[in-house]
Amino acid sequence: MRQKHRMLSFVRVQEDDGSSFDAIVRGSYLQICGGGDYEDYDVLVVVDGRVIDERAWYNEDQLTQLPEQDRDKAEEMLEEWFMGGGG
């Protein structure tokens, strides 16, 4: 089986309570922790073009790929988050 969402993809996450937020996919459970779970994801919450938080685990069906994808931008945002003490 294949993962539905690639690392560094921009997605909208649908919460169980009906709210949603934009995020960057950090990776699947399989990529981050090992094992066989590729359907649950760790994401980095994006607000106003900046990563502000990290949250896990969201099922692939809760994530919707956003139309605009820029892996270089996502990588820069990820680096800024980790270099700034996030994560």
PDB file of N, CA and C in Angstrom:
ATOM      1  N   MET A   1       0.838  -1.190   0.000  1.00  0.00           N
ATOM      2  CA  MET A   1       0.000   0.000   0.000  1.00  0.00           C
ATOM      3  C   MET A   1       0.879   1.247   0.000  1.00  0.00           C
ATOM      4  N   ARG A   2       0.301   2.326  -0.477  1.00  0.00           N
ATOM      5  CA  ARG A   2       1.013   3.602  -0.533  1.00  0.00           C
ATOM      6  C   ARG A   2       0.392   4.610   0.416  1.00  0.00           C
ATOM      7  N   GLN A   3       1.235   5.511   0.885  1.00  0.00           N
ATOM      8  CA  GLN A   3       0.733   6.613   1.682  1.00  0.00           C
ATOM      9  C   GLN A   3      -0.085   7.525   0.798  1.00  0.00           C
ATOM     10  N   LYS A   4      -1.135   8.075   1.353  1.00  0.00           N
ATOM     11  CA  LYS A   4      -2.004   8.988   0.616  1.00  0.00           C
ATOM     12  C   LYS A   4      -1.393  10.386   0.521  1.00  0.00           C
ATOM     13  N   HIS A   5      -0.656  10.802   1.561  1.00  0.00           N
ATOM     14  CA  HIS A   5      -0.103  12.160   1.609  1.00  0.00           C
ATOM     15  C   HIS A   5       1.409  12.109   1.761  1.00  0.00           C
ATOM     16  N   ARG A   6       2.102  12.860   0.924  1.00  0.00           N
ATOM     17  CA  ARG A   6       3.562  12.904   0.960  1.00  0.00           C
ATOM     18  C   ARG A   6       4.065  13.860   2.023  1.00  0.00           C
ATOM     19  N   MET A   7       5.245  13.569   2.512  1.00  0.00           N
ATOM     20  CA  MET A   7       5.938  14.469   3.420  1.00  0.00           C
ATOM     21  C   MET A   7       6.040  15.843   2.764  1.00  0.00           C
ATOM     22  N   LEU A   8       5.886  16.902   3.548  1.00  0.00           N
ATOM     23  CA  LEU A   8       5.989  18.296   3.110  1.00  0.00           C
ATOM     24  C   LEU A   8       4.840  18.747   2.206  1.00  0.00           C
ATOM     25  N   SER A   9       3.747  18.002   2.200  1.00  0.00           N
ATOM     26  CA  SER A   9       2.550  18.424   1.460  1.00  0.00           C
ATOM     27  C   SER A   9       1.758  19.400   2.325  1.00  0.00           C
ATOM     28  N   PHE A  10       1.170  20.400   1.671  1.00  0.00           N
ATOM     29  CA  PHE A  10       0.260  21.309   2.357  1.00  0.00           C
ATOM     30  C   PHE A  10      -1.131  20.688   2.340  1.00  0.00           C
ATOM     31  N   VAL A  11      -1.755  20.624   3.512  1.00  0.00           N
ATOM     32  CA  VAL A  11      -3.066  19.990   3.638  1.00  0.00           C
ATOM     33  C   VAL A  11      -3.982  20.829   4.535  1.00  0.00           C
ATOM     34  N   ARG A  12      -5.261  20.555   4.446  1.00  0.00           N
ATOM     35  CA  ARG A  12      -6.240  21.068   5.412  1.00  0.00           C
ATOM     36  C   ARG A  12      -6.642  19.881   6.271  1.00  0.00           C
ATOM     37  N   VAL A  13      -6.600  20.071   7.590  1.00  0.00           N
ATOM     38  CA  VAL A  13      -6.925  19.010   8.539  1.00  0.00           C
ATOM     39  C   VAL A  13      -8.317  19.275   9.103  1.00  0.00           C
ATOM     40  N   GLN A  14      -9.160  18.267   9.018  1.00  0.00           N
ATOM     41  CA  GLN A  14     -10.517  18.342   9.552  1.00  0.00           C
ATOM     42  C   GLN A  14     -10.540  17.685  10.928  1.00  0.00           C
ATOM     43  N   GLU A  15     -10.829  18.487  11.958  1.00  0.00           N
ATOM     44  CA  GLU A  15     -10.910  17.973  13.330  1.00  0.00           C
ATOM     45  C   GLU A  15     -12.239  17.243  13.522  1.00  0.00           C
ATOM     46  N   ASP A  16     -12.303  16.393  14.535  1.00  0.00           N
ATOM     47  CA  ASP A  16     -13.529  15.661  14.850  1.00  0.00           C
ATOM     48  C   ASP A  16     -14.676  16.585  15.233  1.00  0.00           C
ATOM     49  N   ASP A  17     -14.344  17.770  15.780  1.00  0.00           N
ATOM     50  CA  ASP A  17     -15.388  18.704  16.210  1.00  0.00           C
ATOM     51  C   ASP A  17     -15.909  19.591  15.074  1.00  0.00           C
ATOM     52  N   GLY A  18     -15.403  19.367  13.851  1.00  0.00           N
ATOM     53  CA  GLY A  18     -15.861  20.133  12.695  1.00  0.00           C
ATOM     54  C   GLY A  18     -14.964  21.302  12.330  1.00  0.00           C
ATOM     55  N   SER A  19     -14.063  21.698  13.214  1.00  0.00           N
ATOM     56  CA  SER A  19     -13.132  22.780  12.888  1.00  0.00           C
ATOM     57  C   SER A  19     -12.028  22.237  11.979  1.00  0.00           C
ATOM     58  N   SER A  20     -11.286  23.153  11.369  1.00  0.00           N
ATOM     59  CA  SER A  20     -10.196  22.730  10.486  1.00  0.00           C
ATOM     60  C   SER A  20      -9.047  23.728  10.576  1.00  0.00           C
ATOM     61  N   PHE A  21      -7.889  23.295  10.105  1.00  0.00           N
ATOM     62  CA  PHE A  21      -6.717  24.161  10.060  1.00  0.00           C
ATOM     63  C   PHE A  21      -5.801  23.698   8.935  1.00  0.00           C
ATOM     64  N   ASP A  22      -4.952  24.617   8.460  1.00  0.00           N
ATOM     65  CA  ASP A  22      -3.975  24.280   7.428  1.00  0.00           C
ATOM     66  C   ASP A  22      -2.704  23.773   8.099  1.00  0.00           C
ATOM     67  N   ALA A  23      -2.020  22.870   7.391  1.00  0.00           N
ATOM     68  CA  ALA A  23      -0.833  22.248   7.967  1.00  0.00           C
ATOM     69  C   ALA A  23       0.106  21.737   6.882  1.00  0.00           C
ATOM     70  N   ILE A  24       1.276  21.359   7.315  1.00  0.00           N
ATOM     71  CA  ILE A  24       2.265  20.683   6.476  1.00  0.00           C
ATOM     72  C   ILE A  24       2.416  19.274   7.024  1.00  0.00           C
ATOM     73  N   VAL A  25       2.408  18.281   6.151  1.00  0.00           N
ATOM     74  CA  VAL A  25       2.603  16.900   6.587  1.00  0.00           C
ATOM     75  C   VAL A  25       4.073  16.717   6.964  1.00  0.00           C
ATOM     76  N   ARG A  26       4.312  16.368   8.216  1.00  0.00           N
ATOM     77  CA  ARG A  26       5.680  16.051   8.653  1.00  0.00           C
ATOM     78  C   ARG A  26       6.028  14.624   8.268  1.00  0.00           C
ATOM     79  N   GLY A  27       5.056  13.729   8.367  1.00  0.00           N
ATOM     80  CA  GLY A  27       5.290  12.343   7.985  1.00  0.00           C
ATOM     81  C   GLY A  27       4.216  11.447   8.561  1.00  0.00           C
ATOM     82  N   SER A  28       4.205  10.233   8.068  1.00  0.00           N
ATOM     83  CA  SER A  28       3.271   9.238   8.586  1.00  0.00           C
ATOM     84  C   SER A  28       3.863   8.616   9.845  1.00  0.00           C
ATOM     85  N   TYR A  29       3.035   7.884  10.570  1.00  0.00           N
ATOM     86  CA  TYR A  29       3.511   7.166  11.756  1.00  0.00           C
ATOM     87  C   TYR A  29       4.649   6.233  11.358  1.00  0.00           C
ATOM     88  N   LEU A  30       4.490   5.565  10.232  1.00  0.00           N
ATOM     89  CA  LEU A  30       5.516   4.656   9.717  1.00  0.00           C
ATOM     90  C   LEU A  30       6.846   5.388   9.533  1.00  0.00           C
ATOM     91  N   GLN A  31       6.821   6.575   8.933  1.00  0.00           N
ATOM     92  CA  GLN A  31       8.048   7.323   8.666  1.00  0.00           C
ATOM     93  C   GLN A  31       8.708   7.840   9.944  1.00  0.00           C
ATOM     94  N   ILE A  32       7.909   8.210  10.926  1.00  0.00           N
ATOM     95  CA  ILE A  32       8.448   8.832  12.125  1.00  0.00           C
ATOM     96  C   ILE A  32       8.779   7.815  13.214  1.00  0.00           C
ATOM     97  N   CYS A  33       7.915   6.813  13.380  1.00  0.00           N
ATOM     98  CA  CYS A  33       8.077   5.864  14.493  1.00  0.00           C
ATOM     99  C   CYS A  33       8.378   4.435  14.071  1.00  0.00           C
ATOM    100  N   GLY A  34       8.215   4.145  12.778  1.00  0.00           N
ATOM    101  CA  GLY A  34       8.392   2.782  12.316  1.00  0.00           C
ATOM    102  C   GLY A  34       7.089   2.004  12.424  1.00  0.00           C
ATOM    103  N   GLY A  35       7.159   0.719  12.209  1.00  0.00           N
ATOM    104  CA  GLY A  35       5.948  -0.099  12.244  1.00  0.00           C
ATOM    105  C   GLY A  35       5.252  -0.102  10.898  1.00  0.00           C
ATOM    106  N   GLY A  36       3.985  -0.438  10.896  1.00  0.00           N
ATOM    107  CA  GLY A  36       3.276  -0.585   9.633  1.00  0.00           C
ATOM    108  C   GLY A  36       2.166   0.413   9.395  1.00  0.00           C
ATOM    109  N   ASP A  37       2.039   1.446  10.248  1.00  0.00           N
ATOM    110  CA  ASP A  37       0.935   2.404  10.122  1.00  0.00           C
ATOM    111  C   ASP A  37       1.314   3.562   9.210  1.00  0.00           C
ATOM    112  N   TYR A  38       0.784   3.538   8.010  1.00  0.00           N
ATOM    113  CA  TYR A  38       1.042   4.620   7.061  1.00  0.00           C
ATOM    114  C   TYR A  38      -0.210   5.466   6.843  1.00  0.00           C
ATOM    115  N   GLU A  39      -1.274   5.219   7.606  1.00  0.00           N
ATOM    116  CA  GLU A  39      -2.534   5.952   7.418  1.00  0.00           C
ATOM    117  C   GLU A  39      -2.712   7.099   8.405  1.00  0.00           C
ATOM    118  N   ASP A  40      -1.854   7.199   9.419  1.00  0.00           N
ATOM    119  CA  ASP A  40      -1.950   8.276  10.405  1.00  0.00           C
ATOM    120  C   ASP A  40      -0.733   9.187  10.275  1.00  0.00           C
ATOM    121  N   TYR A  41      -0.986  10.498  10.445  1.00  0.00           N
ATOM    122  CA  TYR A  41       0.032  11.501  10.136  1.00  0.00           C
ATOM    123  C   TYR A  41       0.281  12.476  11.270  1.00  0.00           C
ATOM    124  N   ASP A  42       1.527  12.918  11.357  1.00  0.00           N
ATOM    125  CA  ASP A  42       1.961  14.016  12.196  1.00  0.00           C
ATOM    126  C   ASP A  42       1.987  15.246  11.296  1.00  0.00           C
ATOM    127  N   VAL A  43       1.421  16.361  11.767  1.00  0.00           N
ATOM    128  CA  VAL A  43       1.374  17.567  10.948  1.00  0.00           C
ATOM    129  C   VAL A  43       1.897  18.760  11.722  1.00  0.00           C
ATOM    130  N   LEU A  44       2.339  19.763  10.978  1.00  0.00           N
ATOM    131  CA  LEU A  44       2.778  21.031  11.535  1.00  0.00           C
ATOM    132  C   LEU A  44       1.723  22.075  11.185  1.00  0.00           C
ATOM    133  N   VAL A  45       1.140  22.691  12.213  1.00  0.00           N
ATOM    134  CA  VAL A  45       0.060  23.662  12.027  1.00  0.00           C
ATOM    135  C   VAL A  45       0.632  24.953  11.449  1.00  0.00           C
ATOM    136  N   VAL A  46      -0.011  25.477  10.392  1.00  0.00           N
ATOM    137  CA  VAL A  46       0.430  26.694   9.727  1.00  0.00           C
ATOM    138  C   VAL A  46      -0.615  27.793   9.913  1.00  0.00           C
ATOM    139  N   VAL A  47      -0.168  28.942  10.417  1.00  0.00           N
ATOM    140  CA  VAL A  47      -1.020  30.125  10.554  1.00  0.00           C
ATOM    141  C   VAL A  47      -0.234  31.322  10.021  1.00  0.00           C
ATOM    142  N   ASP A  48      -0.837  32.064   9.115  1.00  0.00           N
ATOM    143  CA  ASP A  48      -0.200  33.254   8.532  1.00  0.00           C
ATOM    144  C   ASP A  48       1.187  32.953   7.963  1.00  0.00           C
ATOM    145  N   GLY A  49       1.315  31.809   7.297  1.00  0.00           N
ATOM    146  CA  GLY A  49       2.563  31.462   6.630  1.00  0.00           C
ATOM    147  C   GLY A  49       3.680  30.987   7.536  1.00  0.00           C
ATOM    148  N   ARG A  50       3.348  30.695   8.807  1.00  0.00           N
ATOM    149  CA  ARG A  50       4.372  30.222   9.754  1.00  0.00           C
ATOM    150  C   ARG A  50       3.874  28.984  10.476  1.00  0.00           C
ATOM    151  N   VAL A  51       4.800  28.097  10.773  1.00  0.00           N
ATOM    152  CA  VAL A  51       4.472  26.926  11.585  1.00  0.00           C
ATOM    153  C   VAL A  51       4.382  27.392  13.036  1.00  0.00           C
ATOM    154  N   ILE A  52       3.272  27.028  13.707  1.00  0.00           N
ATOM    155  CA  ILE A  52       3.100  27.463  15.097  1.00  0.00           C
ATOM    156  C   ILE A  52       2.976  26.298  16.081  1.00  0.00           C
ATOM    157  N   ASP A  53       2.775  25.074  15.564  1.00  0.00           N
ATOM    158  CA  ASP A  53       2.556  23.940  16.459  1.00  0.00           C
ATOM    159  C   ASP A  53       2.722  22.638  15.688  1.00  0.00           C
ATOM    160  N   GLU A  54       2.907  21.571  16.428  1.00  0.00           N
ATOM    161  CA  GLU A  54       2.965  20.230  15.851  1.00  0.00           C
ATOM    162  C   GLU A  54       1.887  19.389  16.516  1.00  0.00           C
ATOM    163  N   ARG A  55       1.144  18.619  15.700  1.00  0.00           N
ATOM    164  CA  ARG A  55       0.074  17.773  16.244  1.00  0.00           C
ATOM    165  C   ARG A  55       0.082  16.410  15.556  1.00  0.00           C
ATOM    166  N   ALA A  56      -0.312  15.399  16.327  1.00  0.00           N
ATOM    167  CA  ALA A  56      -0.381  14.041  15.794  1.00  0.00           C
ATOM    168  C   ALA A  56      -1.514  13.329  16.532  1.00  0.00           C
ATOM    169  N   TRP A  57      -2.048  12.352  16.124  1.00  0.00           N
ATOM    170  CA  TRP A  57      -2.016  11.619  14.855  1.00  0.00           C
ATOM    171  C   TRP A  57      -3.370  11.809  14.192  1.00  0.00           C
ATOM    172  N   TYR A  58      -3.337  12.181  12.923  1.00  0.00           N
ATOM    173  CA  TYR A  58      -4.553  12.378  12.140  1.00  0.00           C
ATOM    174  C   TYR A  58      -4.627  11.314  11.059  1.00  0.00           C
ATOM    175  N   ASN A  59      -5.807  10.728  10.914  1.00  0.00           N
ATOM    176  CA  ASN A  59      -6.018   9.725   9.883  1.00  0.00           C
ATOM    177  C   ASN A  59      -5.994  10.380   8.510  1.00  0.00           C
ATOM    178  N   GLU A  60      -5.564   9.621   7.517  1.00  0.00           N
ATOM    179  CA  GLU A  60      -5.459  10.144   6.157  1.00  0.00           C
ATOM    180  C   GLU A  60      -6.765  10.742   5.644  1.00  0.00           C
ATOM    181  N   ASP A  61      -7.903  10.235   6.116  1.00  0.00           N
ATOM    182  CA  ASP A  61      -9.192  10.752   5.660  1.00  0.00           C
ATOM    183  C   ASP A  61      -9.518  12.119   6.251  1.00  0.00           C
ATOM    184  N   GLN A  62      -8.789  12.545   7.272  1.00  0.00           N
ATOM    185  CA  GLN A  62      -8.987  13.861   7.863  1.00  0.00           C
ATOM    186  C   GLN A  62      -8.171  14.932   7.139  1.00  0.00           C
ATOM    187  N   LEU A  63      -7.291  14.527   6.229  1.00  0.00           N
ATOM    188  CA  LEU A  63      -6.419  15.450   5.511  1.00  0.00           C
ATOM    189  C   LEU A  63      -6.878  15.592   4.066  1.00  0.00           C
ATOM    190  N   THR A  64      -6.935  16.842   3.596  1.00  0.00           N
ATOM    191  CA  THR A  64      -7.255  17.139   2.200  1.00  0.00           C
ATOM    192  C   THR A  64      -6.115  17.952   1.616  1.00  0.00           C
ATOM    193  N   GLN A  65      -5.581  17.473   0.519  1.00  0.00           N
ATOM    194  CA  GLN A  65      -4.475  18.153  -0.144  1.00  0.00           C
ATOM    195  C   GLN A  65      -4.925  19.542  -0.595  1.00  0.00           C
ATOM    196  N   LEU A  66      -4.137  20.581  -0.284  1.00  0.00           N
ATOM    197  CA  LEU A  66      -4.435  21.925  -0.758  1.00  0.00           C
ATOM    198  C   LEU A  66      -3.966  22.063  -2.199  1.00  0.00           C
ATOM    199  N   PRO A  67      -4.637  22.928  -2.975  1.00  0.00           N
ATOM    200  CA  PRO A  67      -4.296  23.032  -4.407  1.00  0.00           C
ATOM    201  C   PRO A  67      -2.878  23.537  -4.682  1.00  0.00           C
ATOM    202  N   GLU A  68      -2.401  24.466  -3.857  1.00  0.00           N
ATOM    203  CA  GLU A  68      -1.059  25.011  -4.094  1.00  0.00           C
ATOM    204  C   GLU A  68      -0.041  24.244  -3.260  1.00  0.00           C
ATOM    205  N   GLN A  69       0.919  23.659  -3.937  1.00  0.00           N
ATOM    206  CA  GLN A  69       1.978  22.892  -3.279  1.00  0.00           C
ATOM    207  C   GLN A  69       3.329  23.509  -3.621  1.00  0.00           C
ATOM    208  N   ASP A  70       4.166  23.700  -2.618  1.00  0.00           N
ATOM    209  CA  ASP A  70       5.510  24.235  -2.812  1.00  0.00           C
ATOM    210  C   ASP A  70       6.421  23.565  -1.789  1.00  0.00           C
ATOM    211  N   ARG A  71       7.045  22.460  -2.200  1.00  0.00           N
ATOM    212  CA  ARG A  71       7.872  21.677  -1.278  1.00  0.00           C
ATOM    213  C   ARG A  71       9.059  22.476  -0.745  1.00  0.00           C
ATOM    214  N   ASP A  72       9.621  23.372  -1.567  1.00  0.00           N
ATOM    215  CA  ASP A  72      10.737  24.193  -1.094  1.00  0.00           C
ATOM    216  C   ASP A  72      10.281  25.120   0.034  1.00  0.00           C
ATOM    217  N   LYS A  73       9.120  25.736  -0.146  1.00  0.00           N
ATOM    218  CA  LYS A  73       8.567  26.612   0.885  1.00  0.00           C
ATOM    219  C   LYS A  73       8.274  25.808   2.158  1.00  0.00           C
ATOM    220  N   ALA A  74       7.688  24.631   2.010  1.00  0.00           N
ATOM    221  CA  ALA A  74       7.379  23.781   3.165  1.00  0.00           C
ATOM    222  C   ALA A  74       8.665  23.404   3.900  1.00  0.00           C
ATOM    223  N   GLU A  75       9.700  23.083   3.163  1.00  0.00           N
ATOM    224  CA  GLU A  75      10.978  22.716   3.775  1.00  0.00           C
ATOM    225  C   GLU A  75      11.568  23.894   4.545  1.00  0.00           C
ATOM    226  N   GLU A  76      11.498  25.092   3.975  1.00  0.00           N
ATOM    227  CA  GLU A  76      11.987  26.288   4.659  1.00  0.00           C
ATOM    228  C   GLU A  76      11.214  26.538   5.950  1.00  0.00           C
ATOM    229  N   MET A  77       9.890  26.380   5.890  1.00  0.00           N
ATOM    230  CA  MET A  77       9.054  26.592   7.070  1.00  0.00           C
ATOM    231  C   MET A  77       9.370  25.565   8.148  1.00  0.00           C
ATOM    232  N   LEU A  78       9.601  24.327   7.736  1.00  0.00           N
ATOM    233  CA  LEU A  78       9.951  23.256   8.659  1.00  0.00           C
ATOM    234  C   LEU A  78      11.294  23.550   9.338  1.00  0.00           C
ATOM    235  N   GLU A  79      12.280  23.960   8.553  1.00  0.00           N
ATOM    236  CA  GLU A  79      13.598  24.287   9.101  1.00  0.00           C
ATOM    237  C   GLU A  79      13.499  25.448  10.086  1.00  0.00           C
ATOM    238  N   GLU A  80      12.738  26.477   9.737  1.00  0.00           N
ATOM    239  CA  GLU A  80      12.568  27.637  10.608  1.00  0.00           C
ATOM    240  C   GLU A  80      11.918  27.208  11.939  1.00  0.00           C
ATOM    241  N   TRP A  81      10.947  26.320  11.858  1.00  0.00           N
ATOM    242  CA  TRP A  81      10.265  25.822  13.060  1.00  0.00           C
ATOM    243  C   TRP A  81      11.247  25.092  13.980  1.00  0.00           C
ATOM    244  N   PHE A  82      12.029  24.171  13.412  1.00  0.00           N
ATOM    245  CA  PHE A  82      12.949  23.395  14.236  1.00  0.00           C
ATOM    246  C   PHE A  82      14.130  24.220  14.717  1.00  0.00           C
ATOM    247  N   MET A  83      14.642  25.128  13.886  1.00  0.00           N
ATOM    248  CA  MET A  83      15.768  25.958  14.291  1.00  0.00           C
ATOM    249  C   MET A  83      15.349  26.979  15.348  1.00  0.00           C
ATOM    250  N   GLY A  84      14.085  27.351  15.348  1.00  0.00           N
ATOM    251  CA  GLY A  84      13.574  28.316  16.313  1.00  0.00           C
ATOM    252  C   GLY A  84      13.144  27.686  17.638  1.00  0.00           C
ATOM    253  N   GLY A  85      13.403  26.411  17.795  1.00  0.00           N
ATOM    254  CA  GLY A  85      13.087  25.761  19.050  1.00  0.00           C
ATOM    255  C   GLY A  85      11.781  24.986  19.063  1.00  0.00           C
ATOM    256  N   GLY A  86      11.060  25.010  17.937  1.00  0.00           N
ATOM    257  CA  GLY A  86       9.840  24.221  17.851  1.00  0.00           C
ATOM    258  C   GLY A  86      10.194  22.756  17.666  1.00  0.00           C
ATOM    259  N   GLY A  87       9.259  21.901  17.938  1.00  0.00           N
ATOM    260  CA  GLY A  87       9.457  20.469  17.712  1.00  0.00           C
ATOM    261  C   GLY A  87      10.473  19.874  18.543  1.00  0.00           C
TER     262      GLY A  87
END
